[in-house]
Amino acid sequence: MSEDNIARMGQVIFSSQGQTELRVLGLGSCIGLCLFDPVVKLAAVAHIVLPEAKSSGTSDPGKYADTAVPYLIGEMAKKGAVKHRLRAAIVGGAQLFVFAGAGNSLNVGERNIAAVKRHLSDSKIRVLAEDVGGKAGRTLLVDAKTGDVRIRKLGSPERHLTNLLSK
């Protein structure tokens, strides 16, 4: 399997005829965001690292929730997707490390979850499935041909999360 079907930290990738399976590996506090248009069977994933960019002119739009959501919507539209048909699934946002007395400010996973959901809601895109929070790392796998979204949690077998084609 090709390495160009894997979204690394801050990256965004899109499905194509020759590449229908997309992966986001090693999601701890990061969010794997999948958007899918069931009519054109176009999928995109972003490996979101932080809730917001320090400036609007970032060169890594996939790295931040506030820039990744509009970037994905715009790029998918250029490839034939229609915004009102887009369906979302989100995975990740774990809190892998707990520091005594740190409070919630260091819980980047929780802040990432809230930011991604807020930006999707503001864009009127429904989250049809999610596996977020907790203390375990995850991998997200998306098949644009079938619409299947699968996850693998650290120490657990792969499991089916949803099918974005049939919802």
Foldseek 3Di string as FASTA:
>chain_A
DDPLLEAEALGKDKADPVRFKHKYPWFALWKWKWKAQLVVLMIMIAGAQAADDPDPPDPRQSPHLQRNVVVVQVVVVVVPGDLVRIEMEMEHLEDQDDDPPPPCPPSRSVSNVVSNVVNCVVSVHYHPWYHGYYHWIKMWMAGSVFQWIWMDTVPGDIDTTDRSNPD
